[in-house]
Amino acid sequence: QVQLIESGGGLVQAGGSLRLSCAASGLTFSSYAMGWFRQAPGKEREFVAAIGRSAISTYYADSVKGRFTISTDNAKNTVYLQMNSLKPEDTAVYYCAARWLVVTTTSEYRYWGQGTQVTVSS
């Protein structure tokens, strides 16, 4: 079965950096668009970043543009989210997601990971 396993979350001070990883198994990774979403306590889940199958097209929420970078390593079946200049408002559980063929910034992804907690202290 398909599994997406996130790692790399943790506690960091404002202005710091973290790199999240999401290892995928049970699917043909090169055929899937990948996305990152986050959900803060008491808030709706929101789009963070997405990358198309070719890794040529990338998309970012305005709130993270210029600070976060999404990338993939097809040899490792892994998608990354490099997060720089972190702010307390970036605190959330971060989820990766996989969608067959076509990338989207909506939450219409077929497979989801279990999430990893990111906490940014002020």
N, C-alpha and C. Protein backbone atom coordinates (compact mmCIF):
# COMPACT_ATOMS: atom_id res chain seq x y z
N GLN A 1 0.83 -1.18 0.00
CA GLN A 1 0.00 0.00 0.00
C GLN A 1 0.88 1.24 0.00
N VAL A 2 0.27 2.36 -0.36
CA VAL A 2 1.00 3.62 -0.44
C VAL A 2 1.25 4.15 0.97
N GLN A 3 2.48 4.59 1.19
CA GLN A 3 2.84 5.22 2.46
C GLN A 3 3.64 6.49 2.19
N LEU A 4 3.30 7.53 2.92
CA LEU A 4 4.06 8.77 2.91
C LEU A 4 4.48 9.03 4.35
N ILE A 5 5.78 9.10 4.57
CA ILE A 5 6.27 9.25 5.93
C ILE A 5 7.10 10.52 6.03
N GLU A 6 6.59 11.47 6.81
CA GLU A 6 7.29 12.75 6.99
C GLU A 6 8.29 12.66 8.13
N SER A 7 9.32 13.46 8.04
CA SER A 7 10.30 13.58 9.11
C SER A 7 10.93 14.95 9.03
N GLY A 8 11.67 15.30 10.09
CA GLY A 8 12.41 16.55 10.08
C GLY A 8 11.79 17.69 10.87
N GLY A 9 10.60 17.46 11.41
CA GLY A 9 9.99 18.50 12.21
C GLY A 9 10.71 18.67 13.54
N GLY A 10 10.33 19.72 14.27
CA GLY A 10 10.94 19.95 15.56
C GLY A 10 10.70 21.35 16.06
N LEU A 11 11.46 21.72 17.07
CA LEU A 11 11.36 23.04 17.68
C LEU A 11 12.54 23.89 17.21
N VAL A 12 12.24 25.10 16.74
CA VAL A 12 13.29 25.99 16.25
C VAL A 12 12.94 27.42 16.64
N GLN A 13 13.94 28.23 16.81
CA GLN A 13 13.70 29.64 17.13
C GLN A 13 13.34 30.40 15.86
N ALA A 14 12.63 31.48 16.04
CA ALA A 14 12.29 32.35 14.92
C ALA A 14 13.56 32.77 14.19
N GLY A 15 13.48 32.74 12.87
CA GLY A 15 14.63 33.05 12.04
C GLY A 15 15.45 31.83 11.66
N GLY A 16 15.18 30.71 12.29
CA GLY A 16 15.91 29.49 12.02
C GLY A 16 15.38 28.75 10.81
N SER A 17 15.96 27.56 10.58
CA SER A 17 15.62 26.75 9.41
C SER A 17 15.35 25.31 9.81
N LEU A 18 14.54 24.66 9.02
CA LEU A 18 14.30 23.23 9.12
C LEU A 18 14.12 22.69 7.71
N ARG A 19 14.45 21.40 7.54
CA ARG A 19 14.14 20.74 6.28
C ARG A 19 13.28 19.53 6.56
N LEU A 20 12.10 19.55 6.01
CA LEU A 20 11.20 18.41 6.12
C LEU A 20 11.44 17.45 4.96
N SER A 21 11.30 16.17 5.25
CA SER A 21 11.40 15.14 4.23
C SER A 21 10.13 14.31 4.25
N CYS A 22 9.78 13.79 3.10
CA CYS A 22 8.63 12.89 2.99
C CYS A 22 9.03 11.76 2.06
N ALA A 23 9.18 10.58 2.63
CA ALA A 23 9.56 9.40 1.86
C ALA A 23 8.32 8.66 1.42
N ALA A 24 8.22 8.42 0.12
CA ALA A 24 7.05 7.74 -0.44
C ALA A 24 7.39 6.31 -0.81
N SER A 25 6.43 5.42 -0.61
CA SER A 25 6.58 4.03 -1.03
C SER A 25 5.23 3.51 -1.50
N GLY A 26 5.29 2.46 -2.34
CA GLY A 26 4.06 1.86 -2.82
C GLY A 26 3.44 2.57 -4.01
N LEU A 27 4.14 3.52 -4.60
CA LEU A 27 3.67 4.21 -5.78
C LEU A 27 4.84 4.51 -6.70
N THR A 28 4.50 4.79 -7.97
CA THR A 28 5.52 5.18 -8.93
C THR A 28 5.75 6.67 -8.75
N PHE A 29 6.75 7.02 -7.99
CA PHE A 29 6.95 8.39 -7.51
C PHE A 29 6.98 9.39 -8.66
N SER A 30 7.61 9.03 -9.76
CA SER A 30 7.76 9.96 -10.88
C SER A 30 6.44 10.28 -11.57
N SER A 31 5.38 9.54 -11.25
CA SER A 31 4.06 9.78 -11.85
C SER A 31 3.17 10.63 -10.98
N TYR A 32 3.69 11.08 -9.85
CA TYR A 32 2.87 11.81 -8.88
C TYR A 32 3.38 13.23 -8.67
N ALA A 33 2.43 14.15 -8.60
CA ALA A 33 2.71 15.49 -8.10
C ALA A 33 2.70 15.42 -6.58
N MET A 34 3.51 16.26 -5.95
CA MET A 34 3.62 16.21 -4.49
C MET A 34 3.31 17.58 -3.90
N GLY A 35 2.70 17.57 -2.74
CA GLY A 35 2.37 18.82 -2.09
C GLY A 35 2.68 18.78 -0.61
N TRP A 36 2.82 19.96 -0.04
CA TRP A 36 2.95 20.12 1.41
C TRP A 36 1.80 21.01 1.89
N PHE A 37 1.20 20.61 2.97
CA PHE A 37 0.12 21.36 3.59
C PHE A 37 0.44 21.48 5.08
N ARG A 38 -0.25 22.39 5.76
CA ARG A 38 -0.05 22.50 7.20
C ARG A 38 -1.37 22.85 7.88
N GLN A 39 -1.44 22.49 9.15
CA GLN A 39 -2.62 22.80 9.93
C GLN A 39 -2.19 23.24 11.32
N ALA A 40 -2.53 24.47 11.64
CA ALA A 40 -2.25 25.02 12.96
C ALA A 40 -3.44 24.74 13.88
N PRO A 41 -3.22 24.73 15.18
CA PRO A 41 -4.32 24.46 16.12
C PRO A 41 -5.48 25.43 15.91
N GLY A 42 -6.67 24.87 15.79
CA GLY A 42 -7.88 25.68 15.63
C GLY A 42 -8.07 26.28 14.25
N LYS A 43 -7.21 25.89 13.31
CA LYS A 43 -7.32 26.45 11.96
C LYS A 43 -7.53 25.36 10.94
N GLU A 44 -7.98 25.77 9.76
CA GLU A 44 -8.15 24.83 8.66
C GLU A 44 -6.78 24.45 8.09
N ARG A 45 -6.74 23.28 7.50
CA ARG A 45 -5.53 22.89 6.79
C ARG A 45 -5.34 23.81 5.59
N GLU A 46 -4.10 24.21 5.34
CA GLU A 46 -3.84 25.13 4.25
C GLU A 46 -2.68 24.65 3.38
N PHE A 47 -2.73 25.06 2.15
CA PHE A 47 -1.70 24.74 1.17
C PHE A 47 -0.42 25.49 1.51
N VAL A 48 0.72 24.83 1.34
CA VAL A 48 2.02 25.45 1.56
C VAL A 48 2.82 25.49 0.26
N ALA A 49 3.01 24.33 -0.37
CA ALA A 49 3.84 24.27 -1.58
C ALA A 49 3.49 23.00 -2.35
N ALA A 50 3.75 23.03 -3.65
CA ALA A 50 3.52 21.86 -4.49
C ALA A 50 4.54 21.84 -5.61
N ILE A 51 4.76 20.63 -6.13
CA ILE A 51 5.73 20.46 -7.20
C ILE A 51 5.18 19.47 -8.20
N GLY A 52 5.31 19.78 -9.47
CA GLY A 52 4.82 18.89 -10.51
C GLY A 52 5.75 17.71 -10.72
N ARG A 53 5.28 16.76 -11.52
CA ARG A 53 6.03 15.52 -11.73
C ARG A 53 7.41 15.77 -12.30
N SER A 54 7.51 16.72 -13.18
CA SER A 54 8.79 17.01 -13.82
C SER A 54 9.71 17.82 -12.93
N ALA A 55 9.16 18.33 -11.84
CA ALA A 55 9.89 19.19 -10.91
C ALA A 55 10.22 20.54 -11.52
N ILE A 56 9.68 20.82 -12.70
CA ILE A 56 9.90 22.12 -13.33
C ILE A 56 8.96 23.15 -12.73
N SER A 57 7.73 22.72 -12.47
CA SER A 57 6.73 23.64 -11.95
C SER A 57 6.63 23.52 -10.44
N THR A 58 6.72 24.64 -9.77
CA THR A 58 6.54 24.68 -8.33
C THR A 58 5.57 25.80 -7.98
N TYR A 59 4.89 25.63 -6.87
CA TYR A 59 3.87 26.58 -6.45
C TYR A 59 4.01 26.79 -4.95
N TYR A 60 3.76 28.02 -4.52
CA TYR A 60 3.90 28.35 -3.11
C TYR A 60 2.75 29.23 -2.64
N ALA A 61 2.38 29.05 -1.39
CA ALA A 61 1.46 30.00 -0.77
C ALA A 61 2.19 31.33 -0.61
N ASP A 62 1.45 32.41 -0.69
CA ASP A 62 2.06 33.73 -0.56
C ASP A 62 2.80 33.88 0.76
N SER A 63 2.29 33.25 1.78
CA SER A 63 2.85 33.41 3.12
C SER A 63 4.23 32.78 3.28
N VAL A 64 4.61 31.89 2.35
CA VAL A 64 5.91 31.22 2.46
C VAL A 64 6.82 31.51 1.29
N LYS A 65 6.31 32.19 0.28
CA LYS A 65 7.08 32.45 -0.92
C LYS A 65 8.36 33.22 -0.57
N GLY A 66 9.48 32.75 -1.10
CA GLY A 66 10.76 33.38 -0.83
C GLY A 66 11.46 32.83 0.41
N ARG A 67 10.73 32.07 1.22
CA ARG A 67 11.32 31.48 2.44
C ARG A 67 11.39 29.96 2.36
N PHE A 68 10.41 29.34 1.72
CA PHE A 68 10.35 27.87 1.63
C PHE A 68 10.68 27.44 0.21
N THR A 69 11.28 26.25 0.10
CA THR A 69 11.58 25.68 -1.21
C THR A 69 11.21 24.22 -1.22
N ILE A 70 10.41 23.81 -2.20
CA ILE A 70 10.04 22.41 -2.36
C ILE A 70 10.91 21.79 -3.44
N SER A 71 11.30 20.54 -3.22
CA SER A 71 12.12 19.84 -4.21
C SER A 71 11.87 18.35 -4.07
N THR A 72 12.29 17.61 -5.09
CA THR A 72 12.14 16.16 -5.07
C THR A 72 13.45 15.49 -5.44
N ASP A 73 13.59 14.25 -5.00
CA ASP A 73 14.69 13.38 -5.39
C ASP A 73 14.04 12.07 -5.84
N ASN A 74 13.89 11.90 -7.15
CA ASN A 74 13.21 10.71 -7.66
C ASN A 74 13.97 9.43 -7.33
N ALA A 75 15.28 9.51 -7.22
CA ALA A 75 16.06 8.32 -6.89
C ALA A 75 15.76 7.83 -5.48
N LYS A 76 15.33 8.74 -4.61
CA LYS A 76 15.03 8.38 -3.23
C LYS A 76 13.53 8.39 -2.95
N ASN A 77 12.72 8.66 -3.97
CA ASN A 77 11.26 8.74 -3.78
C ASN A 77 10.91 9.68 -2.63
N THR A 78 11.54 10.82 -2.61
CA THR A 78 11.41 11.73 -1.48
C THR A 78 11.14 13.16 -1.96
N VAL A 79 10.26 13.82 -1.24
CA VAL A 79 10.01 15.23 -1.45
C VAL A 79 10.46 15.98 -0.21
N TYR A 80 11.05 17.15 -0.43
CA TYR A 80 11.59 17.95 0.66
C TYR A 80 10.89 19.30 0.74
N LEU A 81 10.93 19.87 1.92
CA LEU A 81 10.49 21.25 2.10
C LEU A 81 11.56 21.94 2.95
N GLN A 82 12.36 22.76 2.29
CA GLN A 82 13.36 23.55 3.01
C GLN A 82 12.68 24.82 3.50
N MET A 83 12.74 25.03 4.80
CA MET A 83 12.05 26.17 5.41
C MET A 83 13.09 27.07 6.07
N ASN A 84 13.20 28.27 5.57
CA ASN A 84 14.15 29.26 6.10
C ASN A 84 13.39 30.44 6.68
N SER A 85 14.08 31.23 7.47
CA SER A 85 13.50 32.43 8.07
C SER A 85 12.15 32.13 8.72
N LEU A 86 12.14 31.09 9.51
CA LEU A 86 10.88 30.64 10.11
C LEU A 86 10.32 31.67 11.08
N LYS A 87 8.99 31.72 11.12
CA LYS A 87 8.27 32.65 11.97
C LYS A 87 7.36 31.86 12.91
N PRO A 88 6.99 32.45 14.03
CA PRO A 88 6.08 31.74 14.94
C PRO A 88 4.78 31.32 14.25
N GLU A 89 4.32 32.09 13.30
CA GLU A 89 3.07 31.75 12.60
C GLU A 89 3.24 30.56 11.65
N ASP A 90 4.45 30.07 11.47
CA ASP A 90 4.66 28.84 10.70
C ASP A 90 4.43 27.59 11.55
N THR A 91 4.20 27.78 12.83
CA THR A 91 3.95 26.64 13.72
C THR A 91 2.70 25.90 13.29
N ALA A 92 2.86 24.60 13.06
CA ALA A 92 1.74 23.78 12.58
C ALA A 92 2.22 22.34 12.45
N VAL A 93 1.26 21.46 12.20
CA VAL A 93 1.59 20.11 11.75
C VAL A 93 1.66 20.16 10.23
N TYR A 94 2.76 19.67 9.69
CA TYR A 94 2.99 19.70 8.25
C TYR A 94 2.76 18.32 7.66
N TYR A 95 1.99 18.29 6.58
CA TYR A 95 1.64 17.03 5.91
C TYR A 95 2.13 17.05 4.47
N CYS A 96 2.65 15.93 4.02
CA CYS A 96 2.91 15.82 2.59
C CYS A 96 1.77 15.01 1.96
N ALA A 97 1.61 15.19 0.67
CA ALA A 97 0.51 14.55 -0.05
C ALA A 97 0.94 14.24 -1.47
N ALA A 98 0.31 13.22 -2.06
CA ALA A 98 0.64 12.79 -3.41
C ALA A 98 -0.63 12.76 -4.26
N ARG A 99 -0.49 13.19 -5.51
CA ARG A 99 -1.61 13.23 -6.44
C ARG A 99 -1.15 12.72 -7.80
N TRP A 100 -1.99 11.86 -8.38
CA TRP A 100 -1.65 11.26 -9.67
C TRP A 100 -1.56 12.31 -10.77
N LEU A 101 -0.44 12.41 -11.39
CA LEU A 101 -0.15 13.16 -12.60
C LEU A 101 -0.16 14.69 -12.46
N VAL A 102 -1.32 15.25 -12.06
CA VAL A 102 -1.49 16.71 -12.20
C VAL A 102 -1.35 17.41 -10.87
N VAL A 103 -0.48 18.40 -10.82
CA VAL A 103 -0.28 19.15 -9.59
C VAL A 103 -1.44 20.12 -9.36
N THR A 104 -1.73 20.36 -8.11
CA THR A 104 -2.76 21.32 -7.75
C THR A 104 -2.41 21.97 -6.43
N THR A 105 -2.94 23.18 -6.23
CA THR A 105 -2.74 23.86 -4.96
C THR A 105 -3.93 23.65 -4.03
N THR A 106 -4.93 22.92 -4.51
CA THR A 106 -6.05 22.59 -3.63
C THR A 106 -5.69 21.35 -2.82
N SER A 107 -6.58 20.92 -1.96
CA SER A 107 -6.31 19.75 -1.12
C SER A 107 -6.74 18.45 -1.78
N GLU A 108 -6.96 18.47 -3.07
CA GLU A 108 -7.41 17.28 -3.80
C GLU A 108 -6.25 16.33 -4.10
N TYR A 109 -5.66 15.82 -3.03
CA TYR A 109 -4.60 14.84 -3.15
C TYR A 109 -5.10 13.50 -2.66
N ARG A 110 -4.62 12.43 -3.31
CA ARG A 110 -5.14 11.09 -3.02
C ARG A 110 -4.52 10.51 -1.75
N TYR A 111 -3.25 10.72 -1.56
CA TYR A 111 -2.54 10.09 -0.44
C TYR A 111 -1.93 11.16 0.47
N TRP A 112 -1.98 10.88 1.77
CA TRP A 112 -1.49 11.83 2.78
C TRP A 112 -0.60 11.12 3.79
N GLY A 113 0.39 11.86 4.27
CA GLY A 113 1.21 11.36 5.36
C GLY A 113 0.57 11.62 6.71
N GLN A 114 1.23 11.20 7.75
CA GLN A 114 0.67 11.31 9.10
C GLN A 114 0.98 12.66 9.74
N GLY A 115 1.90 13.41 9.15
CA GLY A 115 2.22 14.74 9.64
C GLY A 115 3.43 14.77 10.55
N THR A 116 4.08 15.92 10.56
CA THR A 116 5.21 16.16 11.45
C THR A 116 5.06 17.56 12.05
N GLN A 117 5.31 17.67 13.34
CA GLN A 117 5.08 18.93 14.05
C GLN A 117 6.26 19.87 13.86
N VAL A 118 5.95 21.11 13.51
CA VAL A 118 6.95 22.17 13.45
C VAL A 118 6.51 23.25 14.44
N THR A 119 7.39 23.59 15.35
CA THR A 119 7.10 24.63 16.34
C THR A 119 8.20 25.69 16.27
N VAL A 120 7.78 26.93 16.06
CA VAL A 120 8.72 28.04 15.96
C VAL A 120 8.49 28.95 17.16
N SER A 121 9.52 29.10 17.97
CA SER A 121 9.41 29.94 19.17
C SER A 121 9.87 31.36 18.87
N SER A 122 9.25 32.30 19.55
CA SER A 122 9.60 33.71 19.30
C SER A 122 10.74 34.16 20.21
